[in-house]
């Protein structure tokens, strides 16, 4: 089992949930086509396509879609805001029925903050007219 904690995310900042997943040892991620589509995962000899053979959850909520045009188990993590993540737990095990139907190659689970200590807004600009804005508010 691997645990990537808040300190790991602070020492090397990330801009997306895919960049958080790149910190998992042995999990390789390849972006193809467009940024809007979920990345391809490769783990322990499995071509996980878009998450079809790895169980993904956020705060206990399953992310894998039971039915999707790209295959059963498509896991779209674009809704995860890296600034709110505090921990990523992953395990590479062959067929884990206790983790759900899609845990053929392993599982990953994100844990997010229940609340933020202070509000923050950030705006970033990059190549090819890319723009990223994040607002995290303490209510």
N, C-alpha and C. Protein backbone atom coordinates (compact mmCIF):
# COMPACT_ATOMS: atom_id res chain seq x y z
N UNK A 1 0.85 -1.17 0.00
CA UNK A 1 0.00 0.00 0.00
C UNK A 1 0.89 1.23 0.00
N UNK A 2 0.52 2.24 -0.77
CA UNK A 2 1.24 3.50 -0.83
C UNK A 2 0.33 4.61 -0.35
N UNK A 3 0.88 5.53 0.42
CA UNK A 3 0.13 6.69 0.89
C UNK A 3 0.89 7.94 0.48
N UNK A 4 0.22 8.80 -0.26
CA UNK A 4 0.78 10.09 -0.64
C UNK A 4 0.02 11.13 0.16
N UNK A 5 0.73 11.83 1.01
CA UNK A 5 0.06 12.72 1.96
C UNK A 5 0.19 14.18 1.58
N UNK A 6 -0.37 15.03 2.42
CA UNK A 6 -0.39 16.47 2.20
C UNK A 6 1.01 17.03 2.00
N UNK A 7 1.98 16.54 2.76
CA UNK A 7 3.35 17.05 2.66
C UNK A 7 3.95 16.72 1.29
N UNK A 8 3.62 15.54 0.74
CA UNK A 8 4.10 15.17 -0.60
C UNK A 8 3.53 16.12 -1.65
N UNK A 9 2.28 16.51 -1.48
CA UNK A 9 1.64 17.41 -2.44
C UNK A 9 2.14 18.84 -2.29
N UNK A 10 2.59 19.22 -1.09
CA UNK A 10 3.12 20.57 -0.89
C UNK A 10 4.54 20.71 -1.40
N UNK A 11 5.34 19.65 -1.33
CA UNK A 11 6.73 19.75 -1.77
C UNK A 11 6.85 19.79 -3.29
N UNK A 12 5.97 19.11 -3.99
CA UNK A 12 5.93 19.18 -5.45
C UNK A 12 4.49 19.47 -5.86
N UNK A 13 4.16 20.73 -6.04
CA UNK A 13 2.77 21.12 -6.35
C UNK A 13 2.26 20.46 -7.63
N UNK A 14 0.97 20.24 -7.66
CA UNK A 14 0.31 19.63 -8.81
C UNK A 14 -0.84 20.50 -9.27
N UNK A 15 -1.23 20.35 -10.54
CA UNK A 15 -2.32 21.14 -11.11
C UNK A 15 -3.56 20.33 -11.45
N UNK A 16 -3.47 19.01 -11.34
CA UNK A 16 -4.62 18.19 -11.70
C UNK A 16 -4.57 16.87 -10.94
N UNK A 17 -5.70 16.18 -10.96
CA UNK A 17 -5.76 14.87 -10.29
C UNK A 17 -4.84 13.87 -10.99
N UNK A 18 -4.63 14.02 -12.30
CA UNK A 18 -3.72 13.13 -13.01
C UNK A 18 -2.29 13.29 -12.51
N UNK A 19 -1.90 14.52 -12.19
CA UNK A 19 -0.55 14.74 -11.66
C UNK A 19 -0.41 14.14 -10.26
N UNK A 20 -1.47 14.11 -9.49
CA UNK A 20 -1.42 13.44 -8.19
C UNK A 20 -1.22 11.95 -8.40
N UNK A 21 -1.95 11.37 -9.35
CA UNK A 21 -1.82 9.94 -9.63
C UNK A 21 -0.43 9.57 -10.14
N UNK A 22 0.27 10.50 -10.80
CA UNK A 22 1.62 10.22 -11.28
C UNK A 22 2.59 9.96 -10.13
N UNK A 23 2.23 10.33 -8.92
CA UNK A 23 3.09 10.11 -7.77
C UNK A 23 2.99 8.67 -7.23
N UNK A 24 2.02 7.90 -7.71
CA UNK A 24 1.86 6.52 -7.28
C UNK A 24 2.93 5.67 -7.96
N UNK A 25 3.80 5.02 -7.20
CA UNK A 25 4.84 4.19 -7.80
C UNK A 25 4.26 3.06 -8.65
N UNK A 26 4.74 2.94 -9.88
CA UNK A 26 4.30 1.87 -10.76
C UNK A 26 3.06 2.18 -11.58
N UNK A 27 2.39 3.29 -11.31
CA UNK A 27 1.22 3.69 -12.08
C UNK A 27 1.66 4.71 -13.12
N UNK A 28 1.58 4.34 -14.38
CA UNK A 28 2.00 5.22 -15.45
C UNK A 28 0.77 5.80 -16.12
N UNK A 29 0.84 7.09 -16.45
CA UNK A 29 -0.30 7.79 -17.01
C UNK A 29 0.11 8.42 -18.32
N UNK A 30 -0.70 8.22 -19.34
CA UNK A 30 -0.44 8.81 -20.63
C UNK A 30 -1.66 9.58 -21.12
N UNK A 31 -1.46 10.83 -21.47
CA UNK A 31 -2.56 11.64 -21.99
C UNK A 31 -2.59 11.48 -23.50
N UNK A 32 -3.74 11.18 -24.04
CA UNK A 32 -3.88 11.09 -25.48
C UNK A 32 -5.10 11.89 -25.92
N UNK A 33 -5.06 12.29 -27.14
CA UNK A 33 -6.13 13.07 -27.74
C UNK A 33 -6.24 14.43 -27.07
N UNK A 34 -7.24 14.64 -26.24
CA UNK A 34 -7.49 15.97 -25.67
C UNK A 34 -7.44 15.92 -24.16
N UNK A 35 -7.22 17.07 -23.54
CA UNK A 35 -7.15 17.15 -22.07
C UNK A 35 -8.49 16.83 -21.41
N UNK A 36 -9.59 17.05 -22.12
CA UNK A 36 -10.91 16.86 -21.52
C UNK A 36 -11.23 15.38 -21.29
N UNK A 37 -10.53 14.50 -21.99
CA UNK A 37 -10.78 13.07 -21.83
C UNK A 37 -9.84 12.52 -20.76
N UNK A 38 -10.33 11.56 -20.00
CA UNK A 38 -9.53 10.96 -18.93
C UNK A 38 -8.28 10.30 -19.52
N UNK A 39 -7.20 10.35 -18.79
CA UNK A 39 -5.92 9.77 -19.22
C UNK A 39 -5.99 8.26 -19.28
N UNK A 40 -4.98 7.68 -19.94
CA UNK A 40 -4.83 6.22 -19.94
C UNK A 40 -3.91 5.84 -18.80
N UNK A 41 -4.23 4.76 -18.11
CA UNK A 41 -3.44 4.28 -17.00
C UNK A 41 -2.79 2.96 -17.39
N UNK A 42 -1.60 2.73 -16.87
CA UNK A 42 -0.90 1.46 -17.04
C UNK A 42 -0.37 1.06 -15.68
N UNK A 43 -0.72 -0.15 -15.22
CA UNK A 43 -0.33 -0.62 -13.90
C UNK A 43 -0.10 -2.12 -13.92
N UNK A 44 1.10 -2.52 -13.53
CA UNK A 44 1.43 -3.94 -13.39
C UNK A 44 1.07 -4.78 -14.61
N UNK A 45 1.33 -4.28 -15.82
CA UNK A 45 1.04 -5.03 -17.02
C UNK A 45 -0.37 -4.85 -17.55
N UNK A 46 -1.22 -4.14 -16.83
CA UNK A 46 -2.58 -3.88 -17.28
C UNK A 46 -2.62 -2.57 -18.04
N UNK A 47 -3.27 -2.59 -19.18
CA UNK A 47 -3.60 -1.36 -19.89
C UNK A 47 -4.99 -0.99 -19.38
N UNK A 48 -5.02 -0.08 -18.43
CA UNK A 48 -6.25 0.22 -17.70
C UNK A 48 -7.14 1.17 -18.49
N UNK A 49 -6.73 1.53 -19.69
CA UNK A 49 -7.47 2.39 -20.59
C UNK A 49 -7.85 3.69 -19.89
N UNK A 50 -9.05 3.86 -19.46
CA UNK A 50 -9.47 5.10 -18.79
C UNK A 50 -9.93 4.81 -17.37
N UNK A 51 -9.33 3.83 -16.73
CA UNK A 51 -9.69 3.48 -15.37
C UNK A 51 -10.52 2.21 -15.27
N UNK A 52 -10.61 1.45 -16.35
CA UNK A 52 -11.51 0.30 -16.37
C UNK A 52 -11.08 -0.86 -15.47
N UNK A 53 -9.81 -0.95 -15.12
CA UNK A 53 -9.35 -2.06 -14.27
C UNK A 53 -8.76 -1.59 -12.95
N UNK A 54 -9.07 -0.36 -12.57
CA UNK A 54 -8.59 0.14 -11.29
C UNK A 54 -9.77 0.85 -10.61
N UNK A 55 -10.06 0.44 -9.38
CA UNK A 55 -11.17 1.05 -8.64
C UNK A 55 -10.71 2.41 -8.13
N UNK A 56 -11.51 3.43 -8.41
CA UNK A 56 -11.17 4.80 -8.02
C UNK A 56 -12.30 5.34 -7.16
N UNK A 57 -11.94 5.97 -6.03
CA UNK A 57 -12.96 6.59 -5.18
C UNK A 57 -12.43 7.90 -4.61
N UNK A 58 -13.34 8.78 -4.29
CA UNK A 58 -13.02 10.06 -3.66
C UNK A 58 -13.88 10.17 -2.41
N UNK A 59 -13.24 10.22 -1.26
CA UNK A 59 -13.95 10.29 0.02
C UNK A 59 -14.99 9.18 0.16
N UNK A 60 -14.64 8.00 -0.31
CA UNK A 60 -15.53 6.85 -0.19
C UNK A 60 -16.56 6.73 -1.31
N UNK A 61 -16.66 7.72 -2.17
CA UNK A 61 -17.62 7.69 -3.28
C UNK A 61 -16.95 7.05 -4.50
N UNK A 62 -17.52 5.97 -5.04
CA UNK A 62 -16.94 5.35 -6.24
C UNK A 62 -17.01 6.29 -7.43
N UNK A 63 -15.94 6.34 -8.22
CA UNK A 63 -15.86 7.22 -9.37
C UNK A 63 -16.09 6.45 -10.67
N UNK A 64 -15.73 5.18 -10.70
CA UNK A 64 -15.86 4.38 -11.93
C UNK A 64 -17.32 4.33 -12.37
N UNK A 65 -17.55 4.60 -13.64
CA UNK A 65 -18.90 4.56 -14.20
C UNK A 65 -19.20 3.14 -14.67
N UNK A 66 -20.34 2.63 -14.27
CA UNK A 66 -20.71 1.26 -14.61
C UNK A 66 -20.90 1.11 -16.11
N UNK A 67 -21.43 2.12 -16.78
CA UNK A 67 -21.65 2.06 -18.20
C UNK A 67 -21.12 3.34 -18.85
N UNK A 68 -20.26 3.18 -19.86
CA UNK A 68 -19.69 4.34 -20.54
C UNK A 68 -19.23 3.91 -21.92
N UNK A 69 -19.25 4.82 -22.88
CA UNK A 69 -18.85 4.51 -24.26
C UNK A 69 -17.40 4.05 -24.36
N UNK A 70 -16.53 4.51 -23.46
CA UNK A 70 -15.12 4.11 -23.49
C UNK A 70 -14.88 2.80 -22.76
N UNK A 71 -15.89 2.25 -22.14
CA UNK A 71 -15.74 0.97 -21.46
C UNK A 71 -16.29 1.03 -20.05
N UNK A 72 -16.70 -0.12 -19.56
CA UNK A 72 -17.20 -0.19 -18.19
C UNK A 72 -16.07 0.15 -17.23
N UNK A 73 -16.34 1.04 -16.30
CA UNK A 73 -15.34 1.41 -15.32
C UNK A 73 -14.63 2.72 -15.62
N UNK A 74 -15.02 3.43 -16.66
CA UNK A 74 -14.42 4.72 -16.99
C UNK A 74 -14.41 5.59 -15.73
N UNK A 75 -13.25 6.15 -15.40
CA UNK A 75 -13.12 6.93 -14.17
C UNK A 75 -12.63 8.34 -14.51
N UNK A 76 -13.52 9.29 -14.49
CA UNK A 76 -13.19 10.67 -14.81
C UNK A 76 -12.91 11.43 -13.52
N UNK A 77 -11.67 11.86 -13.34
CA UNK A 77 -11.26 12.54 -12.11
C UNK A 77 -11.09 14.05 -12.28
N UNK A 78 -11.62 14.61 -13.35
CA UNK A 78 -11.43 16.04 -13.58
C UNK A 78 -12.12 16.91 -12.54
N UNK A 79 -13.04 16.37 -11.77
CA UNK A 79 -13.72 17.16 -10.75
C UNK A 79 -12.91 17.31 -9.46
N UNK A 80 -11.82 16.55 -9.32
CA UNK A 80 -10.99 16.63 -8.11
C UNK A 80 -10.09 17.86 -8.19
N UNK A 81 -10.20 18.73 -7.20
CA UNK A 81 -9.37 19.93 -7.13
C UNK A 81 -8.15 19.60 -6.28
N UNK A 82 -6.94 19.62 -6.86
CA UNK A 82 -5.75 19.23 -6.12
C UNK A 82 -5.54 20.01 -4.83
N UNK A 83 -5.93 21.27 -4.81
CA UNK A 83 -5.74 22.10 -3.61
C UNK A 83 -6.57 21.61 -2.43
N UNK A 84 -7.58 20.79 -2.68
CA UNK A 84 -8.41 20.27 -1.59
C UNK A 84 -8.04 18.84 -1.19
N UNK A 85 -7.08 18.24 -1.90
CA UNK A 85 -6.67 16.87 -1.59
C UNK A 85 -5.67 16.85 -0.44
N UNK A 86 -5.85 15.90 0.47
CA UNK A 86 -4.90 15.78 1.57
C UNK A 86 -4.18 14.43 1.57
N UNK A 87 -4.77 13.43 0.89
CA UNK A 87 -4.15 12.11 0.92
C UNK A 87 -4.62 11.28 -0.26
N UNK A 88 -3.72 10.46 -0.78
CA UNK A 88 -4.04 9.50 -1.82
C UNK A 88 -3.51 8.15 -1.35
N UNK A 89 -4.40 7.18 -1.27
CA UNK A 89 -4.01 5.83 -0.85
C UNK A 89 -4.16 4.93 -2.06
N UNK A 90 -3.14 4.12 -2.34
CA UNK A 90 -3.21 3.21 -3.48
C UNK A 90 -2.67 1.85 -3.07
N UNK A 91 -3.19 0.84 -3.71
CA UNK A 91 -2.69 -0.51 -3.49
C UNK A 91 -2.73 -1.25 -4.80
N UNK A 92 -1.65 -1.96 -5.10
CA UNK A 92 -1.56 -2.75 -6.32
C UNK A 92 -1.68 -4.21 -5.93
N UNK A 93 -2.80 -4.79 -6.20
CA UNK A 93 -3.08 -6.17 -5.83
C UNK A 93 -3.89 -6.77 -6.96
N UNK A 94 -3.68 -8.00 -7.27
CA UNK A 94 -4.43 -8.64 -8.35
C UNK A 94 -5.81 -9.06 -7.85
N UNK A 95 -6.83 -8.51 -8.41
CA UNK A 95 -8.24 -8.78 -8.13
C UNK A 95 -8.55 -8.64 -6.64
N UNK A 96 -9.16 -7.51 -6.30
CA UNK A 96 -9.50 -7.19 -4.91
C UNK A 96 -11.02 -7.06 -4.79
N UNK A 97 -11.73 -8.14 -4.58
CA UNK A 97 -13.20 -8.07 -4.55
C UNK A 97 -13.74 -7.17 -3.43
N UNK A 98 -12.97 -6.97 -2.39
CA UNK A 98 -13.45 -6.11 -1.30
C UNK A 98 -13.46 -4.64 -1.70
N UNK A 99 -12.76 -4.27 -2.77
CA UNK A 99 -12.69 -2.88 -3.23
C UNK A 99 -13.63 -2.61 -4.40
N UNK A 100 -14.42 -3.59 -4.82
CA UNK A 100 -15.40 -3.36 -5.88
C UNK A 100 -15.09 -4.10 -7.17
N UNK A 101 -16.02 -3.97 -8.10
CA UNK A 101 -15.94 -4.69 -9.37
C UNK A 101 -14.76 -4.31 -10.24
N UNK A 102 -14.26 -3.09 -10.12
CA UNK A 102 -13.24 -2.61 -11.04
C UNK A 102 -11.82 -2.72 -10.50
N UNK A 103 -11.63 -3.33 -9.35
CA UNK A 103 -10.30 -3.44 -8.74
C UNK A 103 -9.55 -4.66 -9.25
N UNK A 104 -9.43 -4.78 -10.56
CA UNK A 104 -8.71 -5.90 -11.16
C UNK A 104 -7.21 -5.76 -10.96
N UNK A 105 -6.67 -4.56 -11.19
CA UNK A 105 -5.23 -4.32 -11.05
C UNK A 105 -4.88 -3.63 -9.74
N UNK A 106 -5.85 -3.02 -9.09
CA UNK A 106 -5.61 -2.31 -7.84
C UNK A 106 -6.67 -1.25 -7.60
N UNK A 107 -6.39 -0.36 -6.65
CA UNK A 107 -7.33 0.71 -6.36
C UNK A 107 -6.59 1.96 -5.92
N UNK A 108 -7.23 3.11 -6.08
CA UNK A 108 -6.74 4.37 -5.53
C UNK A 108 -7.94 5.09 -4.91
N UNK A 109 -7.69 5.74 -3.81
CA UNK A 109 -8.74 6.51 -3.15
C UNK A 109 -8.18 7.86 -2.72
N UNK A 110 -8.89 8.90 -3.08
CA UNK A 110 -8.52 10.26 -2.69
C UNK A 110 -9.24 10.62 -1.40
N UNK A 111 -8.56 11.32 -0.53
CA UNK A 111 -9.21 11.91 0.64
C UNK A 111 -9.04 13.41 0.53
N UNK A 112 -10.13 14.12 0.69
CA UNK A 112 -10.09 15.57 0.57
C UNK A 112 -10.35 16.24 1.91
N UNK A 113 -10.05 17.52 1.97
CA UNK A 113 -10.27 18.28 3.19
C UNK A 113 -11.76 18.40 3.46
N UNK A 114 -12.14 18.35 4.73
CA UNK A 114 -13.53 18.58 5.10
C UNK A 114 -13.84 20.07 5.06
N UNK A 115 -12.86 20.87 5.37
CA UNK A 115 -13.00 22.33 5.29
C UNK A 115 -11.62 22.93 5.11
N UNK A 116 -11.57 24.14 4.60
CA UNK A 116 -10.29 24.82 4.42
C UNK A 116 -10.10 25.84 5.52
N UNK A 117 -8.84 26.08 5.89
CA UNK A 117 -8.54 27.01 6.96
C UNK A 117 -8.74 28.46 6.54
N UNK A 118 -8.38 28.76 5.30
CA UNK A 118 -8.55 30.12 4.81
C UNK A 118 -8.89 30.09 3.33
N UNK A 119 -9.58 31.12 2.88
CA UNK A 119 -9.97 31.22 1.48
C UNK A 119 -8.76 31.56 0.62
N UNK A 120 -8.80 31.11 -0.64
CA UNK A 120 -7.70 31.41 -1.57
C UNK A 120 -8.22 31.40 -2.99
N UNK A 121 -7.64 32.28 -3.80
CA UNK A 121 -7.94 32.33 -5.22
C UNK A 121 -6.62 32.36 -5.96
N UNK A 122 -6.52 31.58 -7.04
CA UNK A 122 -5.30 31.61 -7.85
C UNK A 122 -5.68 31.59 -9.33
N UNK A 123 -4.87 32.28 -10.11
CA UNK A 123 -5.04 32.33 -11.55
C UNK A 123 -3.69 32.02 -12.17
N UNK A 124 -3.66 31.08 -13.11
CA UNK A 124 -2.43 30.69 -13.77
C UNK A 124 -2.64 30.71 -15.27
N UNK A 125 -1.63 31.15 -16.00
CA UNK A 125 -1.68 31.16 -17.46
C UNK A 125 -0.50 30.34 -17.98
N UNK A 126 -0.73 29.65 -19.09
CA UNK A 126 0.32 28.81 -19.64
C UNK A 126 0.39 28.90 -21.15
N UNK A 127 1.09 27.95 -21.72
CA UNK A 127 1.27 27.91 -23.16
C UNK A 127 -0.04 27.58 -23.86
N UNK A 128 -0.11 27.92 -25.12
CA UNK A 128 -1.25 27.59 -25.97
C UNK A 128 -2.57 28.14 -25.43
N UNK A 129 -2.50 29.34 -24.86
CA UNK A 129 -3.68 30.03 -24.34
C UNK A 129 -4.42 29.25 -23.25
N UNK A 130 -3.68 28.48 -22.45
CA UNK A 130 -4.32 27.76 -21.35
C UNK A 130 -4.43 28.66 -20.13
N UNK A 131 -5.49 28.46 -19.38
CA UNK A 131 -5.77 29.27 -18.20
C UNK A 131 -6.35 28.36 -17.14
N UNK A 132 -5.90 28.52 -15.91
CA UNK A 132 -6.42 27.73 -14.79
C UNK A 132 -6.75 28.67 -13.66
N UNK A 133 -7.98 28.63 -13.20
CA UNK A 133 -8.39 29.44 -12.06
C UNK A 133 -8.96 28.51 -10.99
N UNK A 134 -8.63 28.80 -9.75
CA UNK A 134 -9.10 27.99 -8.63
C UNK A 134 -9.55 28.94 -7.53
N UNK A 135 -10.72 28.67 -6.99
CA UNK A 135 -11.18 29.41 -5.83
C UNK A 135 -11.59 28.43 -4.75
N UNK A 136 -10.96 28.52 -3.60
CA UNK A 136 -11.27 27.67 -2.45
C UNK A 136 -11.69 28.59 -1.34
N UNK A 137 -12.90 28.42 -0.84
CA UNK A 137 -13.45 29.38 0.13
C UNK A 137 -13.79 28.72 1.45
N UNK A 138 -13.48 29.42 2.51
CA UNK A 138 -13.83 29.01 3.87
C UNK A 138 -15.18 29.64 4.18
N UNK A 139 -16.19 28.83 4.25
CA UNK A 139 -17.54 29.35 4.50
C UNK A 139 -17.96 29.16 5.93
